[in-house]
Amino acid sequence: MPAARRTVGPSRSRIPAALARAVLALTLLLPGPAEGRPERSVFRSQPMEWESDLKKGDRPSALAFTPAWTFNGFHAPLAGDLAPAGALLVAASQEGEVVALDPASGTVTWRADVGEPLAIGPAAQPGRVYVGTRSGRVIALDADQGGRVIWSVDLGSEPTSPPRSLDGRLLIGVSAGALLSLDAADGRVVARRALSGRPVTPPEVAGRYVLIGTEGGILMSFDARSLEPRWRRDMRYAITSPPLVYKKRAYVGLSDRSVRCLHELIDVYLGESDRSG
């Protein structure tokens, strides 16, 4: 009579994965560094199991975490995303503080306070950092000279996204429902165009034109320099992603969980010099 078969329990290969997850969860509960001081991260080299198809024999591959730094010198949440500014990394808080950090060490290179709460920011280009305040001002800081104010301009309404740079101009949308073009040298407003509603996407440059989405699902196109209108399209649903222009076509994500592609409109209004790629 054949011997009874022994029931095999769960694979041992799953145990290291469970332990790794537990160790990672514990490290997340450890206290962070003192406020305002860059410090080596509490994360040390920890083995971590890859998917089964990446294992070498019965031994899982190990993923090593290198030591990092932490900056937590803000007293308010971040305003916008981080921005690279030459060899520095720039961050801003909603209270109005702007800091430039050394990406390698986390050391504060300079710190500036614009004196009022920020709505957006920062955006950067060589030698400049731009932030926008809730009162409707855009402020240009000198990234090479300690964050000193170069210019400040009143837009009349709160900016809705960081400005986009194009040929010495800054394109920026404001909550009152307008698209503005600023002279990057002094902040002077050189063009203003009314929109069909509050902008919900940043201005996206497409060749010689700029696309912007507004409340109510309207996608609009303007000449990037003069802001003369080119076309508008009712997408029927709220626009949930910035328009992407790729290989003569425009793609946009909508609230009905769809992605729409516009071809004819883009092909008609892009010039021959804009159709490369």
C-alpha atoms as a PDB file:
ATOM      1  CA  MET A   1       0.000   0.000   0.000  1.00  0.00           C
ATOM      2  CA  PRO A   2       1.579   3.327  -1.001  1.00  0.00           C
ATOM      3  CA  ALA A   3       2.544   5.746   1.772  1.00  0.00           C
ATOM      4  CA  ALA A   4       0.110   8.549   2.481  1.00  0.00           C
ATOM      5  CA  ARG A   5       1.056  11.806   0.851  1.00  0.00           C
ATOM      6  CA  ARG A   6       2.229  14.541   3.183  1.00  0.00           C
ATOM      7  CA  THR A   7       0.488  17.895   2.814  1.00  0.00           C
ATOM      8  CA  VAL A   8       2.982  20.653   2.065  1.00  0.00           C
ATOM      9  CA  GLY A   9       2.435  23.967   3.849  1.00  0.00           C
ATOM     10  CA  PRO A  10       2.913  27.468   2.391  1.00  0.00           C
ATOM     11  CA  SER A  11       6.106  27.990   0.419  1.00  0.00           C
ATOM     12  CA  ARG A  12       9.050  29.076   2.514  1.00  0.00           C
ATOM     13  CA  SER A  13       9.883  31.650  -0.126  1.00  0.00           C
ATOM     14  CA  ARG A  14       6.984  33.765   1.135  1.00  0.00           C
ATOM     15  CA  ILE A  15       8.402  34.092   4.668  1.00  0.00           C
ATOM     16  CA  PRO A  16      11.312  36.449   3.819  1.00  0.00           C
ATOM     17  CA  ALA A  17       8.902  38.734   1.960  1.00  0.00           C
ATOM     18  CA  ALA A  18       6.630  38.973   5.019  1.00  0.00           C
ATOM     19  CA  LEU A  19       9.597  39.715   7.264  1.00  0.00           C
ATOM     20  CA  ALA A  20      10.868  42.383   4.881  1.00  0.00           C
ATOM     21  CA  ARG A  21       7.492  44.092   4.889  1.00  0.00           C
ATOM     22  CA  ALA A  22       7.387  44.032   8.685  1.00  0.00           C
ATOM     23  CA  VAL A  23      10.888  45.523   8.967  1.00  0.00           C
ATOM     24  CA  LEU A  24      10.009  48.281   6.483  1.00  0.00           C
ATOM     25  CA  ALA A  25       6.827  49.113   8.405  1.00  0.00           C
ATOM     26  CA  LEU A  26       8.805  49.400  11.673  1.00  0.00           C
ATOM     27  CA  THR A  27      11.362  51.750  10.140  1.00  0.00           C
ATOM     28  CA  LEU A  28       8.589  54.097   8.989  1.00  0.00           C
ATOM     29  CA  LEU A  29       7.537  54.501  12.653  1.00  0.00           C
ATOM     30  CA  LEU A  30      10.975  55.628  13.825  1.00  0.00           C
ATOM     31  CA  PRO A  31      11.276  59.357  14.742  1.00  0.00           C
ATOM     32  CA  GLY A  32      12.755  61.704  12.118  1.00  0.00           C
ATOM     33  CA  PRO A  33      15.603  64.186  12.505  1.00  0.00           C
ATOM     34  CA  ALA A  34      15.419  67.464  14.396  1.00  0.00           C
ATOM     35  CA  GLU A  35      13.455  70.167  12.633  1.00  0.00           C
ATOM     36  CA  GLY A  36      15.294  72.256  10.032  1.00  0.00           C
ATOM     37  CA  ARG A  37      18.501  70.195  10.010  1.00  0.00           C
ATOM     38  CA  PRO A  38      19.570  67.879   7.173  1.00  0.00           C
ATOM     39  CA  GLU A  39      20.348  64.490   8.602  1.00  0.00           C
ATOM     40  CA  ARG A  40      21.194  61.043   7.424  1.00  0.00           C
ATOM     41  CA  SER A  41      18.108  58.953   6.891  1.00  0.00           C
ATOM     42  CA  VAL A  42      17.083  56.282   9.391  1.00  0.00           C
ATOM     43  CA  PHE A  43      16.761  53.874   6.462  1.00  0.00           C
ATOM     44  CA  ARG A  44      19.721  51.519   6.228  1.00  0.00           C
ATOM     45  CA  SER A  45      20.519  48.758   3.792  1.00  0.00           C
ATOM     46  CA  GLN A  46      17.635  46.327   4.002  1.00  0.00           C
ATOM     47  CA  PRO A  47      17.232  43.139   1.987  1.00  0.00           C
ATOM     48  CA  MET A  48      14.077  43.087  -0.056  1.00  0.00           C
ATOM     49  CA  GLU A  49      12.637  40.239  -2.051  1.00  0.00           C
ATOM     50  CA  TRP A  50      12.027  40.643  -5.766  1.00  0.00           C
ATOM     51  CA  GLU A  51       9.318  38.875  -7.711  1.00  0.00           C
ATOM     52  CA  SER A  52       9.809  35.142  -8.084  1.00  0.00           C
ATOM     53  CA  ASP A  53      10.953  35.355 -11.694  1.00  0.00           C
ATOM     54  CA  LEU A  54      13.891  37.554 -10.615  1.00  0.00           C
ATOM     55  CA  LYS A  55      15.203  35.127  -8.000  1.00  0.00           C
ATOM     56  CA  LYS A  56      18.554  33.474  -8.430  1.00  0.00           C
ATOM     57  CA  GLY A  57      17.921  29.880  -7.540  1.00  0.00           C
ATOM     58  CA  ASP A  58      16.304  29.686  -4.100  1.00  0.00           C
ATOM     59  CA  ARG A  59      17.829  32.971  -2.918  1.00  0.00           C
ATOM     60  CA  PRO A  60      15.948  36.233  -3.494  1.00  0.00           C
ATOM     61  CA  SER A  61      17.856  39.189  -4.865  1.00  0.00           C
ATOM     62  CA  ALA A  62      18.580  41.972  -2.375  1.00  0.00           C
ATOM     63  CA  LEU A  63      17.791  45.642  -2.928  1.00  0.00           C
ATOM     64  CA  ALA A  64      20.149  47.916  -0.995  1.00  0.00           C
ATOM     65  CA  PHE A  65      19.017  51.378   0.091  1.00  0.00           C
ATOM     66  CA  THR A  66      21.827  53.899   0.252  1.00  0.00           C
ATOM     67  CA  PRO A  67      21.809  56.498   3.067  1.00  0.00           C
ATOM     68  CA  ALA A  68      19.845  59.658   2.237  1.00  0.00           C
ATOM     69  CA  TRP A  69      19.113  63.028   3.828  1.00  0.00           C
ATOM     70  CA  THR A  70      15.981  64.711   5.094  1.00  0.00           C
ATOM     71  CA  PHE A  71      15.059  68.398   5.158  1.00  0.00           C
ATOM     72  CA  ASN A  72      12.083  69.309   7.321  1.00  0.00           C
ATOM     73  CA  GLY A  73      12.618  73.002   7.965  1.00  0.00           C
ATOM     74  CA  PHE A  74       9.192  74.127   6.738  1.00  0.00           C
ATOM     75  CA  HIS A  75       6.324  74.870   9.123  1.00  0.00           C
ATOM     76  CA  ALA A  76       3.670  74.526   6.411  1.00  0.00           C
ATOM     77  CA  PRO A  77       3.002  72.044   3.588  1.00  0.00           C
ATOM     78  CA  LEU A  78       4.835  72.367   0.304  1.00  0.00           C
ATOM     79  CA  ALA A  79       3.505  74.781  -2.306  1.00  0.00           C
ATOM     80  CA  GLY A  80       3.671  72.938  -5.612  1.00  0.00           C
ATOM     81  CA  ASP A  81       6.377  70.531  -6.669  1.00  0.00           C
ATOM     82  CA  LEU A  82      10.137  70.578  -6.264  1.00  0.00           C
ATOM     83  CA  ALA A  83      12.042  72.300  -9.075  1.00  0.00           C
ATOM     84  CA  PRO A  84      15.642  71.935 -10.285  1.00  0.00           C
ATOM     85  CA  ALA A  85      17.443  75.281 -10.568  1.00  0.00           C
ATOM     86  CA  GLY A  86      20.844  74.672 -12.126  1.00  0.00           C
ATOM     87  CA  ALA A  87      22.864  72.688  -9.585  1.00  0.00           C
ATOM     88  CA  LEU A  88      20.294  73.307  -6.827  1.00  0.00           C
ATOM     89  CA  LEU A  89      16.940  71.861  -5.804  1.00  0.00           C
ATOM     90  CA  VAL A  90      14.284  74.452  -4.908  1.00  0.00           C
ATOM     91  CA  ALA A  91      11.273  73.940  -2.658  1.00  0.00           C
ATOM     92  CA  ALA A  92       8.655  76.348  -1.304  1.00  0.00           C
ATOM     93  CA  SER A  93       6.104  76.245   1.508  1.00  0.00           C
ATOM     94  CA  GLN A  94       2.556  77.555   1.535  1.00  0.00           C
ATOM     95  CA  GLU A  95       3.622  80.101   4.169  1.00  0.00           C
ATOM     96  CA  GLY A  96       5.896  81.825   1.652  1.00  0.00           C
ATOM     97  CA  GLU A  97       9.318  80.375   2.399  1.00  0.00           C
ATOM     98  CA  VAL A  98      11.577  79.330  -0.480  1.00  0.00           C
ATOM     99  CA  VAL A  99      14.755  77.302   0.016  1.00  0.00           C
ATOM    100  CA  ALA A 100      17.479  76.117  -2.326  1.00  0.00           C
ATOM    101  CA  LEU A 101      19.057  72.816  -1.316  1.00  0.00           C
ATOM    102  CA  ASP A 102      22.199  70.987  -2.304  1.00  0.00           C
ATOM    103  CA  PRO A 103      20.785  67.803  -3.910  1.00  0.00           C
ATOM    104  CA  ALA A 104      23.716  65.700  -2.668  1.00  0.00           C
ATOM    105  CA  SER A 105      23.670  66.660   1.007  1.00  0.00           C
ATOM    106  CA  GLY A 106      20.413  68.506   1.674  1.00  0.00           C
ATOM    107  CA  THR A 107      22.311  71.556   2.928  1.00  0.00           C
ATOM    108  CA  VAL A 108      20.413  74.842   2.628  1.00  0.00           C
ATOM    109  CA  THR A 109      22.263  77.045   0.116  1.00  0.00           C
ATOM    110  CA  TRP A 110      19.905  79.985   0.502  1.00  0.00           C
ATOM    111  CA  ARG A 111      16.537  80.791   2.007  1.00  0.00           C
ATOM    112  CA  ALA A 112      14.058  83.527   1.093  1.00  0.00           C
ATOM    113  CA  ASP A 113      10.695  84.616   2.496  1.00  0.00           C
ATOM    114  CA  VAL A 114       8.318  86.398   0.099  1.00  0.00           C
ATOM    115  CA  GLY A 115       6.189  87.642   2.998  1.00  0.00           C
ATOM    116  CA  GLU A 116       2.830  86.180   1.996  1.00  0.00           C
ATOM    117  CA  PRO A 117       1.214  82.765   1.392  1.00  0.00           C
ATOM    118  CA  LEU A 118       1.982  80.991  -1.866  1.00  0.00           C
ATOM    119  CA  ALA A 119      -0.568  79.500  -4.249  1.00  0.00           C
ATOM    120  CA  ILE A 120       1.899  77.931  -6.680  1.00  0.00           C
ATOM    121  CA  GLY A 121       5.559  77.311  -7.134  1.00  0.00           C
ATOM    122  CA  PRO A 122       8.259  77.008  -7.635  1.00  0.00           C
ATOM    123  CA  ALA A 123       9.171  77.077 -11.316  1.00  0.00           C
ATOM    124  CA  ALA A 124      12.756  77.594 -12.426  1.00  0.00           C
ATOM    125  CA  GLN A 125      14.892  78.420 -15.414  1.00  0.00           C
ATOM    126  CA  PRO A 126      18.614  79.298 -15.538  1.00  0.00           C
ATOM    127  CA  GLY A 127      19.281  81.876 -12.830  1.00  0.00           C
ATOM    128  CA  ARG A 128      15.606  82.415 -11.935  1.00  0.00           C
ATOM    129  CA  VAL A 129      13.010  80.935  -9.606  1.00  0.00           C
ATOM    130  CA  TYR A 130       9.327  81.931  -9.891  1.00  0.00           C
ATOM    131  CA  VAL A 131       6.595  81.622  -7.261  1.00  0.00           C
ATOM    132  CA  GLY A 132       2.987  82.821  -7.235  1.00  0.00           C
ATOM    133  CA  THR A 133       1.092  84.177  -4.225  1.00  0.00           C
ATOM    134  CA  ARG A 134      -2.534  83.773  -3.216  1.00  0.00           C
ATOM    135  CA  SER A 135      -3.018  87.513  -3.583  1.00  0.00           C
ATOM    136  CA  GLY A 136      -2.238  87.211  -7.302  1.00  0.00           C
ATOM    137  CA  ARG A 137       1.421  88.154  -7.543  1.00  0.00           C
ATOM    138  CA  VAL A 138       4.234  86.407  -9.418  1.00  0.00           C
ATOM    139  CA  ILE A 139       7.666  86.942  -7.905  1.00  0.00           C
ATOM    140  CA  ALA A 140      11.000  86.281  -9.633  1.00  0.00           C
ATOM    141  CA  LEU A 141      13.946  85.354  -7.380  1.00  0.00           C
ATOM    142  CA  ASP A 142      17.624  85.322  -8.292  1.00  0.00           C
ATOM    143  CA  ALA A 143      18.744  81.697  -7.983  1.00  0.00           C
ATOM    144  CA  ASP A 144      22.423  82.664  -8.120  1.00  0.00           C
ATOM    145  CA  GLN A 145      22.388  85.479  -5.540  1.00  0.00           C
ATOM    146  CA  GLY A 146      20.712  84.119  -2.458  1.00  0.00           C
ATOM    147  CA  GLY A 147      17.115  84.306  -3.654  1.00  0.00           C
ATOM    148  CA  ARG A 148      16.869  88.103  -3.791  1.00  0.00           C
ATOM    149  CA  VAL A 149      13.720  89.499  -5.444  1.00  0.00           C
ATOM    150  CA  ILE A 150      14.332  90.553  -9.073  1.00  0.00           C
ATOM    151  CA  TRP A 151      10.777  91.668  -9.807  1.00  0.00           C
ATOM    152  CA  SER A 152       7.219  91.246  -8.604  1.00  0.00           C
ATOM    153  CA  VAL A 153       4.051  91.794 -10.645  1.00  0.00           C
ATOM    154  CA  ASP A 154       0.353  91.816  -9.757  1.00  0.00           C
ATOM    155  CA  LEU A 155      -1.710  89.568 -12.069  1.00  0.00           C
ATOM    156  CA  GLY A 156      -5.047  90.649 -10.577  1.00  0.00           C
ATOM    157  CA  SER A 157      -6.005  87.071  -9.713  1.00  0.00           C
ATOM    158  CA  GLU A 158      -4.465  83.997  -8.100  1.00  0.00           C
ATOM    159  CA  PRO A 159      -2.255  81.986 -10.485  1.00  0.00           C
ATOM    160  CA  THR A 160      -3.424  78.399 -11.005  1.00  0.00           C
ATOM    161  CA  SER A 161      -0.144  76.752 -12.063  1.00  0.00           C
ATOM    162  CA  PRO A 162       3.563  77.564 -12.296  1.00  0.00           C
ATOM    163  CA  PRO A 163       4.488  79.648 -15.347  1.00  0.00           C
ATOM    164  CA  ARG A 164       5.808  77.989 -18.497  1.00  0.00           C
ATOM    165  CA  SER A 165       8.826  79.565 -20.152  1.00  0.00           C
ATOM    166  CA  LEU A 166       8.915  80.176 -23.922  1.00  0.00           C
ATOM    167  CA  ASP A 167      11.280  82.461 -25.859  1.00  0.00           C
ATOM    168  CA  GLY A 168      11.733  85.059 -23.128  1.00  0.00           C
ATOM    169  CA  ARG A 169       8.074  84.935 -22.093  1.00  0.00           C
ATOM    170  CA  LEU A 170       6.258  83.338 -19.175  1.00  0.00           C
ATOM    171  CA  LEU A 171       2.817  81.832 -19.846  1.00  0.00           C
ATOM    172  CA  ILE A 172       0.542  81.569 -16.822  1.00  0.00           C
ATOM    173  CA  GLY A 173      -3.166  81.007 -16.157  1.00  0.00           C
ATOM    174  CA  VAL A 174      -5.104  82.810 -13.406  1.00  0.00           C
ATOM    175  CA  SER A 175      -8.221  81.819 -11.499  1.00  0.00           C
ATOM    176  CA  ALA A 176     -10.290  84.730 -12.895  1.00  0.00           C
ATOM    177  CA  GLY A 177     -10.287  82.865 -16.223  1.00  0.00           C
ATOM    178  CA  ALA A 178      -7.427  84.356 -18.207  1.00  0.00           C
ATOM    179  CA  LEU A 179      -4.151  83.335 -19.849  1.00  0.00           C
ATOM    180  CA  LEU A 180      -1.299  85.839 -19.509  1.00  0.00           C
ATOM    181  CA  SER A 181       2.054  86.259 -21.214  1.00  0.00           C
ATOM    182  CA  LEU A 182       4.750  88.018 -19.146  1.00  0.00           C
ATOM    183  CA  ASP A 183       8.105  89.409 -20.181  1.00  0.00           C
ATOM    184  CA  ALA A 184      10.544  87.186 -18.246  1.00  0.00           C
ATOM    185  CA  ALA A 185      13.041  90.056 -17.897  1.00  0.00           C
ATOM    186  CA  ASP A 186      10.827  92.406 -15.879  1.00  0.00           C
ATOM    187  CA  GLY A 187       7.456  90.678 -15.351  1.00  0.00           C
ATOM    188  CA  ARG A 188       5.571  93.118 -17.547  1.00  0.00           C
ATOM    189  CA  VAL A 189       2.253  91.716 -18.856  1.00  0.00           C
ATOM    190  CA  VAL A 190       2.567  91.804 -22.644  1.00  0.00           C
ATOM    191  CA  ALA A 191      -0.576  89.870 -23.571  1.00  0.00           C
ATOM    192  CA  ARG A 192      -3.784  88.741 -21.853  1.00  0.00           C
ATOM    193  CA  ARG A 193      -6.542  86.529 -23.213  1.00  0.00           C
ATOM    194  CA  ALA A 194      -9.879  85.621 -21.619  1.00  0.00           C
ATOM    195  CA  LEU A 195     -10.621  81.911 -21.204  1.00  0.00           C
ATOM    196  CA  SER A 196     -13.933  80.054 -21.114  1.00  0.00           C
ATOM    197  CA  GLY A 197     -13.482  79.453 -17.385  1.00  0.00           C
ATOM    198  CA  ARG A 198     -10.924  78.870 -14.658  1.00  0.00           C
ATOM    199  CA  PRO A 199      -7.844  77.016 -15.984  1.00  0.00           C
ATOM    200  CA  VAL A 200      -7.559  73.430 -14.756  1.00  0.00           C
ATOM    201  CA  THR A 201      -4.310  72.565 -16.567  1.00  0.00           C
ATOM    202  CA  PRO A 202      -1.025  74.448 -16.952  1.00  0.00           C
ATOM    203  CA  PRO A 203      -0.341  76.008 -20.362  1.00  0.00           C
ATOM    204  CA  GLU A 204       1.243  73.357 -22.600  1.00  0.00           C
ATOM    205  CA  VAL A 205       3.398  74.547 -25.484  1.00  0.00           C
ATOM    206  CA  ALA A 206       2.869  72.752 -28.811  1.00  0.00           C
ATOM    207  CA  GLY A 207       5.150  74.180 -31.476  1.00  0.00           C
ATOM    208  CA  ARG A 208       4.093  77.796 -32.029  1.00  0.00           C
ATOM    209  CA  TYR A 209       0.887  77.323 -30.052  1.00  0.00           C
ATOM    210  CA  VAL A 210      -0.205  76.732 -26.485  1.00  0.00           C
ATOM    211  CA  LEU A 211      -3.011  74.475 -25.219  1.00  0.00           C
ATOM    212  CA  ILE A 212      -4.890  74.972 -21.971  1.00  0.00           C
ATOM    213  CA  GLY A 213      -7.877  73.203 -20.400  1.00  0.00           C
ATOM    214  CA  THR A 214     -10.593  75.064 -18.481  1.00  0.00           C
ATOM    215  CA  GLU A 215     -13.505  74.253 -16.228  1.00  0.00           C
ATOM    216  CA  GLY A 216     -16.403  72.643 -18.005  1.00  0.00           C
ATOM    217  CA  GLY A 217     -14.171  70.499 -20.212  1.00  0.00           C
ATOM    218  CA  ILE A 218     -13.120  73.140 -22.746  1.00  0.00           C
ATOM    219  CA  LEU A 219      -9.732  72.685 -24.434  1.00  0.00           C
ATOM    220  CA  MET A 220      -8.410  75.897 -26.011  1.00  0.00           C
ATOM    221  CA  SER A 221      -5.511  76.763 -28.315  1.00  0.00           C
ATOM    222  CA  PHE A 222      -3.722  80.111 -28.682  1.00  0.00           C
ATOM    223  CA  ASP A 223      -0.742  81.501 -30.511  1.00  0.00           C
ATOM    224  CA  ALA A 224       2.039  81.161 -27.938  1.00  0.00           C
ATOM    225  CA  ARG A 225       3.425  84.676 -28.488  1.00  0.00           C
ATOM    226  CA  SER A 226       0.436  86.893 -29.250  1.00  0.00           C
ATOM    227  CA  LEU A 227      -2.189  84.736 -27.476  1.00  0.00           C
ATOM    228  CA  GLU A 228      -4.475  85.102 -30.459  1.00  0.00           C
ATOM    229  CA  PRO A 229      -7.120  82.319 -30.228  1.00  0.00           C
ATOM    230  CA  ARG A 230      -6.868  79.428 -32.708  1.00  0.00           C
ATOM    231  CA  TRP A 231      -9.562  76.951 -31.751  1.00  0.00           C
ATOM    232  CA  ARG A 232     -11.614  75.551 -28.881  1.00  0.00           C
ATOM    233  CA  ARG A 233     -13.105  72.103 -28.376  1.00  0.00           C
ATOM    234  CA  ASP A 234     -15.772  71.036 -25.899  1.00  0.00           C
ATOM    235  CA  MET A 235     -14.570  67.680 -24.542  1.00  0.00           C
ATOM    236  CA  ARG A 236     -17.956  67.132 -22.795  1.00  0.00           C
ATOM    237  CA  TYR A 237     -16.285  65.932 -19.599  1.00  0.00           C
ATOM    238  CA  ALA A 238     -13.997  67.611 -17.085  1.00  0.00           C
ATOM    239  CA  ILE A 239     -10.343  67.634 -18.150  1.00  0.00           C
ATOM    240  CA  THR A 240      -8.218  65.754 -15.615  1.00  0.00           C
ATOM    241  CA  SER A 241      -4.740  65.786 -17.173  1.00  0.00           C
ATOM    242  CA  PRO A 242      -2.585  68.373 -18.945  1.00  0.00           C
ATOM    243  CA  PRO A 243      -2.824  68.033 -22.730  1.00  0.00           C
ATOM    244  CA  LEU A 244       0.064  66.102 -24.247  1.00  0.00           C
ATOM    245  CA  VAL A 245       1.203  66.812 -27.805  1.00  0.00           C
ATOM    246  CA  TYR A 246       3.119  63.966 -29.434  1.00  0.00           C
ATOM    247  CA  LYS A 247       3.729  63.222 -33.115  1.00  0.00           C
ATOM    248  CA  LYS A 248       1.243  65.769 -34.465  1.00  0.00           C
ATOM    249  CA  ARG A 249      -1.536  64.692 -32.115  1.00  0.00           C
ATOM    250  CA  ALA A 250      -2.916  65.982 -28.820  1.00  0.00           C
ATOM    251  CA  TYR A 251      -3.979  63.635 -26.022  1.00  0.00           C
ATOM    252  CA  VAL A 252      -6.054  64.579 -22.991  1.00  0.00           C
ATOM    253  CA  GLY A 253      -7.463  62.632 -20.039  1.00  0.00           C
ATOM    254  CA  LEU A 254     -11.104  63.179 -19.004  1.00  0.00           C
ATOM    255  CA  SER A 255     -13.225  62.535 -15.933  1.00  0.00           C
ATOM    256  CA  ASP A 256     -15.132  59.701 -17.660  1.00  0.00           C
ATOM    257  CA  ARG A 257     -11.886  57.673 -17.366  1.00  0.00           C
ATOM    258  CA  SER A 258     -11.148  58.075 -21.060  1.00  0.00           C
ATOM    259  CA  VAL A 259      -8.218  59.427 -23.048  1.00  0.00           C
ATOM    260  CA  ARG A 260      -9.166  61.431 -26.118  1.00  0.00           C
ATOM    261  CA  CYS A 261      -6.933  62.051 -29.121  1.00  0.00           C
ATOM    262  CA  LEU A 262      -7.280  65.156 -31.306  1.00  0.00           C
ATOM    263  CA  HIS A 263      -5.636  64.846 -34.691  1.00  0.00           C
ATOM    264  CA  GLU A 264      -7.331  67.059 -37.266  1.00  0.00           C
ATOM    265  CA  LEU A 265      -7.235  70.251 -35.198  1.00  0.00           C
ATOM    266  CA  ILE A 266      -3.568  69.845 -34.344  1.00  0.00           C
ATOM    267  CA  ASP A 267      -2.606  68.936 -37.913  1.00  0.00           C
ATOM    268  CA  VAL A 268      -4.385  71.981 -39.328  1.00  0.00           C
ATOM    269  CA  TYR A 269      -2.872  74.535 -36.982  1.00  0.00           C
ATOM    270  CA  LEU A 270       0.687  73.260 -36.607  1.00  0.00           C
ATOM    271  CA  GLY A 271       3.025  74.703 -39.216  1.00  0.00           C
ATOM    272  CA  GLU A 272       5.479  72.614 -41.178  1.00  0.00           C
ATOM    273  CA  SER A 273       8.315  73.575 -38.827  1.00  0.00           C
ATOM    274  CA  ASP A 274       6.283  72.284 -35.869  1.00  0.00           C
ATOM    275  CA  ARG A 275       5.533  68.819 -37.263  1.00  0.00           C
ATOM    276  CA  SER A 276       8.900  67.181 -36.668  1.00  0.00           C
ATOM    277  CA  GLY A 277       8.873  64.199 -34.293  1.00  0.00           C
END
